[in-house]
Amino acid sequence: MPLYEFGCNACDHVFDALVTKVSGEPATCPSCGNAEVRRLIGLPAQGRVKDAAPATNCRGDGPPCGATWCGRKS
């Protein structure tokens, strides 16, 4: 089921909601109860190649750090 991010027009509360054909978009903000909510634009989740080794940082224990002095790209 698709999970979308919504924002409230009244209190600017940001919340996630599952949206299906049956449930539709949320009717109210869970924080203040306002009926004026908008769907926010998000990026799709990045998939992973099944047989690829996970990328690591310079220490080898996490994702690439992205520092300009670090030559490691993956």
PDB file of N, CA and C in Angstrom:
ATOM      1  N   MET A   1       0.839  -1.182   0.000  1.00  0.00           N
ATOM      2  CA  MET A   1       0.000   0.000   0.000  1.00  0.00           C
ATOM      3  C   MET A   1       0.881   1.240   0.000  1.00  0.00           C
ATOM      4  N   PRO A   2       0.498   2.231  -0.754  1.00  0.00           N
ATOM      5  CA  PRO A   2       1.317   3.441  -0.825  1.00  0.00           C
ATOM      6  C   PRO A   2       1.216   4.295   0.431  1.00  0.00           C
ATOM      7  N   LEU A   3       2.364   4.723   0.918  1.00  0.00           N
ATOM      8  CA  LEU A   3       2.452   5.600   2.079  1.00  0.00           C
ATOM      9  C   LEU A   3       2.814   6.990   1.560  1.00  0.00           C
ATOM     10  N   TYR A   4       1.969   7.964   1.825  1.00  0.00           N
ATOM     11  CA  TYR A   4       2.186   9.327   1.356  1.00  0.00           C
ATOM     12  C   TYR A   4       2.386  10.268   2.529  1.00  0.00           C
ATOM     13  N   GLU A   5       3.084  11.360   2.271  1.00  0.00           N
ATOM     14  CA  GLU A   5       3.299  12.387   3.285  1.00  0.00           C
ATOM     15  C   GLU A   5       2.315  13.527   3.021  1.00  0.00           C
ATOM     16  N   PHE A   6       1.669  13.997   4.076  1.00  0.00           N
ATOM     17  CA  PHE A   6       0.697  15.078   3.977  1.00  0.00           C
ATOM     18  C   PHE A   6       1.099  16.210   4.897  1.00  0.00           C
ATOM     19  N   GLY A   7       0.655  17.416   4.567  1.00  0.00           N
ATOM     20  CA  GLY A   7       0.884  18.586   5.399  1.00  0.00           C
ATOM     21  C   GLY A   7      -0.439  19.293   5.662  1.00  0.00           C
ATOM     22  N   CYS A   8      -0.583  19.808   6.873  1.00  0.00           N
ATOM     23  CA  CYS A   8      -1.792  20.532   7.251  1.00  0.00           C
ATOM     24  C   CYS A   8      -1.645  21.998   6.858  1.00  0.00           C
ATOM     25  N   ASN A   9      -2.673  22.568   6.238  1.00  0.00           N
ATOM     26  CA  ASN A   9      -2.633  23.977   5.838  1.00  0.00           C
ATOM     27  C   ASN A   9      -2.766  24.917   7.026  1.00  0.00           C
ATOM     28  N   ALA A  10      -3.335  24.459   8.136  1.00  0.00           N
ATOM     29  CA  ALA A  10      -3.557  25.324   9.292  1.00  0.00           C
ATOM     30  C   ALA A  10      -2.362  25.338  10.245  1.00  0.00           C
ATOM     31  N   CYS A  11      -1.878  24.146  10.653  1.00  0.00           N
ATOM     32  CA  CYS A  11      -0.829  24.094  11.680  1.00  0.00           C
ATOM     33  C   CYS A  11       0.529  23.654  11.135  1.00  0.00           C
ATOM     34  N   ASP A  12       0.628  23.377   9.842  1.00  0.00           N
ATOM     35  CA  ASP A  12       1.871  22.924   9.187  1.00  0.00           C
ATOM     36  C   ASP A  12       2.396  21.607   9.741  1.00  0.00           C
ATOM     37  N   HIS A  13       1.549  20.823  10.395  1.00  0.00           N
ATOM     38  CA  HIS A  13       1.939  19.497  10.872  1.00  0.00           C
ATOM     39  C   HIS A  13       2.128  18.586   9.665  1.00  0.00           C
ATOM     40  N   VAL A  14       3.211  17.834   9.640  1.00  0.00           N
ATOM     41  CA  VAL A  14       3.484  16.888   8.554  1.00  0.00           C
ATOM     42  C   VAL A  14       3.260  15.481   9.098  1.00  0.00           C
ATOM     43  N   PHE A  15       2.506  14.664   8.368  1.00  0.00           N
ATOM     44  CA  PHE A  15       2.192  13.307   8.813  1.00  0.00           C
ATOM     45  C   PHE A  15       2.130  12.373   7.622  1.00  0.00           C
ATOM     46  N   ASP A  16       2.313  11.082   7.890  1.00  0.00           N
ATOM     47  CA  ASP A  16       2.239  10.042   6.873  1.00  0.00           C
ATOM     48  C   ASP A  16       0.896   9.344   6.970  1.00  0.00           C
ATOM     49  N   ALA A  17       0.387   8.911   5.823  1.00  0.00           N
ATOM     50  CA  ALA A  17      -0.873   8.175   5.807  1.00  0.00           C
ATOM     51  C   ALA A  17      -0.862   7.162   4.673  1.00  0.00           C
ATOM     52  N   LEU A  18      -1.395   5.969   4.942  1.00  0.00           N
ATOM     53  CA  LEU A  18      -1.580   4.970   3.899  1.00  0.00           C
ATOM     54  C   LEU A  18      -2.806   5.363   3.091  1.00  0.00           C
ATOM     55  N   VAL A  19      -2.659   5.350   1.783  1.00  0.00           N
ATOM     56  CA  VAL A  19      -3.765   5.743   0.911  1.00  0.00           C
ATOM     57  C   VAL A  19      -4.101   4.568  -0.002  1.00  0.00           C
ATOM     58  N   THR A  20      -5.321   4.106   0.090  1.00  0.00           N
ATOM     59  CA  THR A  20      -5.801   3.039  -0.772  1.00  0.00           C
ATOM     60  C   THR A  20      -7.041   3.521  -1.513  1.00  0.00           C
ATOM     61  N   LYS A  21      -7.502   2.712  -2.436  1.00  0.00           N
ATOM     62  CA  LYS A  21      -8.728   3.072  -3.158  1.00  0.00           C
ATOM     63  C   LYS A  21      -9.914   3.124  -2.207  1.00  0.00           C
ATOM     64  N   VAL A  22      -9.905   2.265  -1.212  1.00  0.00           N
ATOM     65  CA  VAL A  22     -11.016   2.194  -0.266  1.00  0.00           C
ATOM     66  C   VAL A  22     -10.966   3.361   0.730  1.00  0.00           C
ATOM     67  N   SER A  23      -9.776   3.598   1.321  1.00  0.00           N
ATOM     68  CA  SER A  23      -9.684   4.623   2.369  1.00  0.00           C
ATOM     69  C   SER A  23      -9.634   6.044   1.804  1.00  0.00           C
ATOM     70  N   GLY A  24      -9.032   6.208   0.653  1.00  0.00           N
ATOM     71  CA  GLY A  24      -8.875   7.543   0.085  1.00  0.00           C
ATOM     72  C   GLY A  24      -7.883   8.360   0.892  1.00  0.00           C
ATOM     73  N   GLU A  25      -7.781   9.631   0.580  1.00  0.00           N
ATOM     74  CA  GLU A  25      -6.846  10.499   1.289  1.00  0.00           C
ATOM     75  C   GLU A  25      -7.417  10.863   2.656  1.00  0.00           C
ATOM     76  N   PRO A  26      -6.533  11.169   3.627  1.00  0.00           N
ATOM     77  CA  PRO A  26      -7.030  11.493   4.967  1.00  0.00           C
ATOM     78  C   PRO A  26      -7.935  12.724   4.945  1.00  0.00           C
ATOM     79  N   ALA A  27      -8.972  12.693   5.759  1.00  0.00           N
ATOM     80  CA  ALA A  27      -9.953  13.784   5.788  1.00  0.00           C
ATOM     81  C   ALA A  27      -9.513  14.930   6.681  1.00  0.00           C
ATOM     82  N   THR A  28      -8.751  14.624   7.736  1.00  0.00           N
ATOM     83  CA  THR A  28      -8.371  15.662   8.690  1.00  0.00           C
ATOM     84  C   THR A  28      -6.936  15.478   9.167  1.00  0.00           C
ATOM     85  N   CYS A  29      -6.389  16.551   9.697  1.00  0.00           N
ATOM     86  CA  CYS A  29      -5.059  16.541  10.301  1.00  0.00           C
ATOM     87  C   CYS A  29      -5.151  15.841  11.651  1.00  0.00           C
ATOM     88  N   PRO A  30      -4.268  14.878  11.945  1.00  0.00           N
ATOM     89  CA  PRO A  30      -4.339  14.204  13.243  1.00  0.00           C
ATOM     90  C   PRO A  30      -3.915  15.100  14.404  1.00  0.00           C
ATOM     91  N   SER A  31      -3.238  16.203  14.120  1.00  0.00           N
ATOM     92  CA  SER A  31      -2.778  17.095  15.180  1.00  0.00           C
ATOM     93  C   SER A  31      -3.848  18.100  15.610  1.00  0.00           C
ATOM     94  N   CYS A  32      -4.439  18.807  14.625  1.00  0.00           N
ATOM     95  CA  CYS A  32      -5.392  19.877  14.967  1.00  0.00           C
ATOM     96  C   CYS A  32      -6.818  19.597  14.495  1.00  0.00           C
ATOM     97  N   GLY A  33      -7.014  18.578  13.650  1.00  0.00           N
ATOM     98  CA  GLY A  33      -8.350  18.252  13.184  1.00  0.00           C
ATOM     99  C   GLY A  33      -8.823  19.069  11.995  1.00  0.00           C
ATOM    100  N   ASN A  34      -7.967  19.918  11.438  1.00  0.00           N
ATOM    101  CA  ASN A  34      -8.334  20.740  10.286  1.00  0.00           C
ATOM    102  C   ASN A  34      -8.583  19.850   9.067  1.00  0.00           C
ATOM    103  N   ALA A  35      -9.574  20.189   8.271  1.00  0.00           N
ATOM    104  CA  ALA A  35      -9.932  19.403   7.096  1.00  0.00           C
ATOM    105  C   ALA A  35      -9.120  19.767   5.861  1.00  0.00           C
ATOM    106  N   GLU A  36      -8.330  20.811   5.921  1.00  0.00           N
ATOM    107  CA  GLU A  36      -7.545  21.235   4.757  1.00  0.00           C
ATOM    108  C   GLU A  36      -6.135  20.679   4.849  1.00  0.00           C
ATOM    109  N   VAL A  37      -5.927  19.508   4.205  1.00  0.00           N
ATOM    110  CA  VAL A  37      -4.604  18.896   4.148  1.00  0.00           C
ATOM    111  C   VAL A  37      -4.177  18.772   2.699  1.00  0.00           C
ATOM    112  N   ARG A  38      -2.881  18.757   2.463  1.00  0.00           N
ATOM    113  CA  ARG A  38      -2.340  18.647   1.108  1.00  0.00           C
ATOM    114  C   ARG A  38      -1.322  17.520   1.047  1.00  0.00           C
ATOM    115  N   ARG A  39      -1.271  16.826  -0.091  1.00  0.00           N
ATOM    116  CA  ARG A  39      -0.275  15.777  -0.275  1.00  0.00           C
ATOM    117  C   ARG A  39       1.036  16.439  -0.663  1.00  0.00           C
ATOM    118  N   LEU A  40       2.106  16.069   0.021  1.00  0.00           N
ATOM    119  CA  LEU A  40       3.419  16.626  -0.270  1.00  0.00           C
ATOM    120  C   LEU A  40       4.121  15.774  -1.316  1.00  0.00           C
ATOM    121  N   ILE A  41       5.017  16.385  -2.053  1.00  0.00           N
ATOM    122  CA  ILE A  41       5.754  15.675  -3.088  1.00  0.00           C
ATOM    123  C   ILE A  41       6.964  15.010  -2.448  1.00  0.00           C
ATOM    124  N   GLY A  42       7.107  13.728  -2.662  1.00  0.00           N
ATOM    125  CA  GLY A  42       8.230  12.978  -2.109  1.00  0.00           C
ATOM    126  C   GLY A  42       8.986  12.257  -3.210  1.00  0.00           C
ATOM    127  N   LEU A  43      10.164  11.777  -2.860  1.00  0.00           N
ATOM    128  CA  LEU A  43      10.977  11.013  -3.792  1.00  0.00           C
ATOM    129  C   LEU A  43      10.703   9.535  -3.604  1.00  0.00           C
ATOM    130  N   PRO A  44      10.748   8.751  -4.676  1.00  0.00           N
ATOM    131  CA  PRO A  44      10.545   7.318  -4.525  1.00  0.00           C
ATOM    132  C   PRO A  44      11.722   6.682  -3.791  1.00  0.00           C
ATOM    133  N   ALA A  45      11.460   5.588  -3.105  1.00  0.00           N
ATOM    134  CA  ALA A  45      12.526   4.862  -2.416  1.00  0.00           C
ATOM    135  C   ALA A  45      13.455   4.236  -3.451  1.00  0.00           C
ATOM    136  N   GLN A  46      14.739   4.268  -3.172  1.00  0.00           N
ATOM    137  CA  GLN A  46      15.717   3.696  -4.083  1.00  0.00           C
ATOM    138  C   GLN A  46      15.840   2.210  -3.808  1.00  0.00           C
ATOM    139  N   GLY A  47      15.722   1.419  -4.865  1.00  0.00           N
ATOM    140  CA  GLY A  47      15.850  -0.027  -4.719  1.00  0.00           C
ATOM    141  C   GLY A  47      17.306  -0.433  -4.594  1.00  0.00           C
ATOM    142  N   ARG A  48      17.526  -1.669  -4.274  1.00  0.00           N
ATOM    143  CA  ARG A  48      18.871  -2.202  -4.128  1.00  0.00           C
ATOM    144  C   ARG A  48      19.097  -3.308  -5.120  1.00  0.00           C
ATOM    145  N   VAL A  49      20.291  -3.374  -5.677  1.00  0.00           N
ATOM    146  CA  VAL A  49      20.650  -4.465  -6.563  1.00  0.00           C
ATOM    147  C   VAL A  49      20.847  -5.700  -5.682  1.00  0.00           C
ATOM    148  N   LYS A  50      20.258  -6.810  -6.065  1.00  0.00           N
ATOM    149  CA  LYS A  50      20.235  -7.995  -5.219  1.00  0.00           C
ATOM    150  C   LYS A  50      21.626  -8.498  -4.844  1.00  0.00           C
ATOM    151  N   ASP A  51      22.544  -8.597  -5.793  1.00  0.00           N
ATOM    152  CA  ASP A  51      23.856  -9.197  -5.532  1.00  0.00           C
ATOM    153  C   ASP A  51      24.945  -8.167  -5.255  1.00  0.00           C
ATOM    154  N   ALA A  52      24.615  -6.896  -5.198  1.00  0.00           N
ATOM    155  CA  ALA A  52      25.630  -5.865  -4.980  1.00  0.00           C
ATOM    156  C   ALA A  52      26.028  -5.806  -3.506  1.00  0.00           C
ATOM    157  N   ALA A  53      27.304  -5.583  -3.269  1.00  0.00           N
ATOM    158  CA  ALA A  53      27.788  -5.414  -1.896  1.00  0.00           C
ATOM    159  C   ALA A  53      27.354  -4.047  -1.398  1.00  0.00           C
ATOM    160  N   PRO A  54      26.999  -3.924  -0.128  1.00  0.00           N
ATOM    161  CA  PRO A  54      26.579  -2.620   0.387  1.00  0.00           C
ATOM    162  C   PRO A  54      27.734  -1.624   0.388  1.00  0.00           C
ATOM    163  N   ALA A  55      27.430  -0.369   0.102  1.00  0.00           N
ATOM    164  CA  ALA A  55      28.442   0.679   0.114  1.00  0.00           C
ATOM    165  C   ALA A  55      28.836   0.968   1.557  1.00  0.00           C
ATOM    166  N   THR A  56      30.096   1.320   1.767  1.00  0.00           N
ATOM    167  CA  THR A  56      30.561   1.624   3.115  1.00  0.00           C
ATOM    168  C   THR A  56      31.334   2.927   3.127  1.00  0.00           C
ATOM    169  N   ASN A  57      31.528   3.475   4.312  1.00  0.00           N
ATOM    170  CA  ASN A  57      32.304   4.703   4.465  1.00  0.00           C
ATOM    171  C   ASN A  57      33.789   4.364   4.607  1.00  0.00           C
ATOM    172  N   CYS A  58      34.619   5.331   4.922  1.00  0.00           N
ATOM    173  CA  CYS A  58      36.065   5.124   5.021  1.00  0.00           C
ATOM    174  C   CYS A  58      36.431   4.092   6.085  1.00  0.00           C
ATOM    175  N   ARG A  59      35.645   4.016   7.161  1.00  0.00           N
ATOM    176  CA  ARG A  59      35.914   3.044   8.223  1.00  0.00           C
ATOM    177  C   ARG A  59      35.397   1.663   7.862  1.00  0.00           C
ATOM    178  N   GLY A  60      34.526   1.596   6.846  1.00  0.00           N
ATOM    179  CA  GLY A  60      33.978   0.315   6.435  1.00  0.00           C
ATOM    180  C   GLY A  60      32.765  -0.119   7.226  1.00  0.00           C
ATOM    181  N   ASP A  61      32.138   0.802   7.990  1.00  0.00           N
ATOM    182  CA  ASP A  61      31.012   0.406   8.826  1.00  0.00           C
ATOM    183  C   ASP A  61      29.726   1.168   8.548  1.00  0.00           C
ATOM    184  N   GLY A  62      29.604   1.782   7.383  1.00  0.00           N
ATOM    185  CA  GLY A  62      28.384   2.521   7.086  1.00  0.00           C
ATOM    186  C   GLY A  62      28.374   3.027   5.658  1.00  0.00           C
ATOM    187  N   PRO A  63      27.395   3.863   5.321  1.00  0.00           N
ATOM    188  CA  PRO A  63      27.302   4.395   3.957  1.00  0.00           C
ATOM    189  C   PRO A  63      28.429   5.374   3.660  1.00  0.00           C
ATOM    190  N   PRO A  64      28.707   5.658   2.369  1.00  0.00           N
ATOM    191  CA  PRO A  64      29.741   6.621   2.017  1.00  0.00           C
ATOM    192  C   PRO A  64      29.493   7.949   2.717  1.00  0.00           C
ATOM    193  N   CYS A  65      30.557   8.548   3.212  1.00  0.00           N
ATOM    194  CA  CYS A  65      30.389   9.773   4.000  1.00  0.00           C
ATOM    195  C   CYS A  65      30.123  10.995   3.124  1.00  0.00           C
ATOM    196  N   GLY A  66      30.599  11.002   1.888  1.00  0.00           N
ATOM    197  CA  GLY A  66      30.358  12.126   0.999  1.00  0.00           C
ATOM    198  C   GLY A  66      31.293  13.298   1.206  1.00  0.00           C
ATOM    199  N   ALA A  67      32.264  13.165   2.106  1.00  0.00           N
ATOM    200  CA  ALA A  67      33.215  14.252   2.341  1.00  0.00           C
ATOM    201  C   ALA A  67      34.063  14.479   1.099  1.00  0.00           C
ATOM    202  N   THR A  68      34.379  15.738   0.812  1.00  0.00           N
ATOM    203  CA  THR A  68      35.148  16.058  -0.393  1.00  0.00           C
ATOM    204  C   THR A  68      36.547  15.463  -0.356  1.00  0.00           C
ATOM    205  N   TRP A  69      37.134  15.290   0.834  1.00  0.00           N
ATOM    206  CA  TRP A  69      38.480  14.745   0.940  1.00  0.00           C
ATOM    207  C   TRP A  69      38.499  13.223   0.853  1.00  0.00           C
ATOM    208  N   CYS A  70      37.348  12.598   0.993  1.00  0.00           N
ATOM    209  CA  CYS A  70      37.266  11.132   0.958  1.00  0.00           C
ATOM    210  C   CYS A  70      37.103  10.688  -0.493  1.00  0.00           C
ATOM    211  N   GLY A  71      37.977   9.863  -0.965  1.00  0.00           N
ATOM    212  CA  GLY A  71      37.917   9.379  -2.351  1.00  0.00           C
ATOM    213  C   GLY A  71      36.952   8.234  -2.554  1.00  0.00           C
ATOM    214  N   ARG A  72      36.381   7.711  -1.470  1.00  0.00           N
ATOM    215  CA  ARG A  72      35.503   6.544  -1.593  1.00  0.00           C
ATOM    216  C   ARG A  72      34.146   6.945  -2.157  1.00  0.00           C
ATOM    217  N   LYS A  73      33.721   6.292  -3.214  1.00  0.00           N
ATOM    218  CA  LYS A  73      32.444   6.592  -3.863  1.00  0.00           C
ATOM    219  C   LYS A  73      31.397   5.518  -3.591  1.00  0.00           C
ATOM    220  N   SER A  74      31.811   4.314  -3.290  1.00  0.00           N
ATOM    221  CA  SER A  74      30.845   3.239  -3.028  1.00  0.00           C
ATOM    222  C   SER A  74      31.391   2.254  -2.018  1.00  0.00           C
TER     223      SER A  74
END
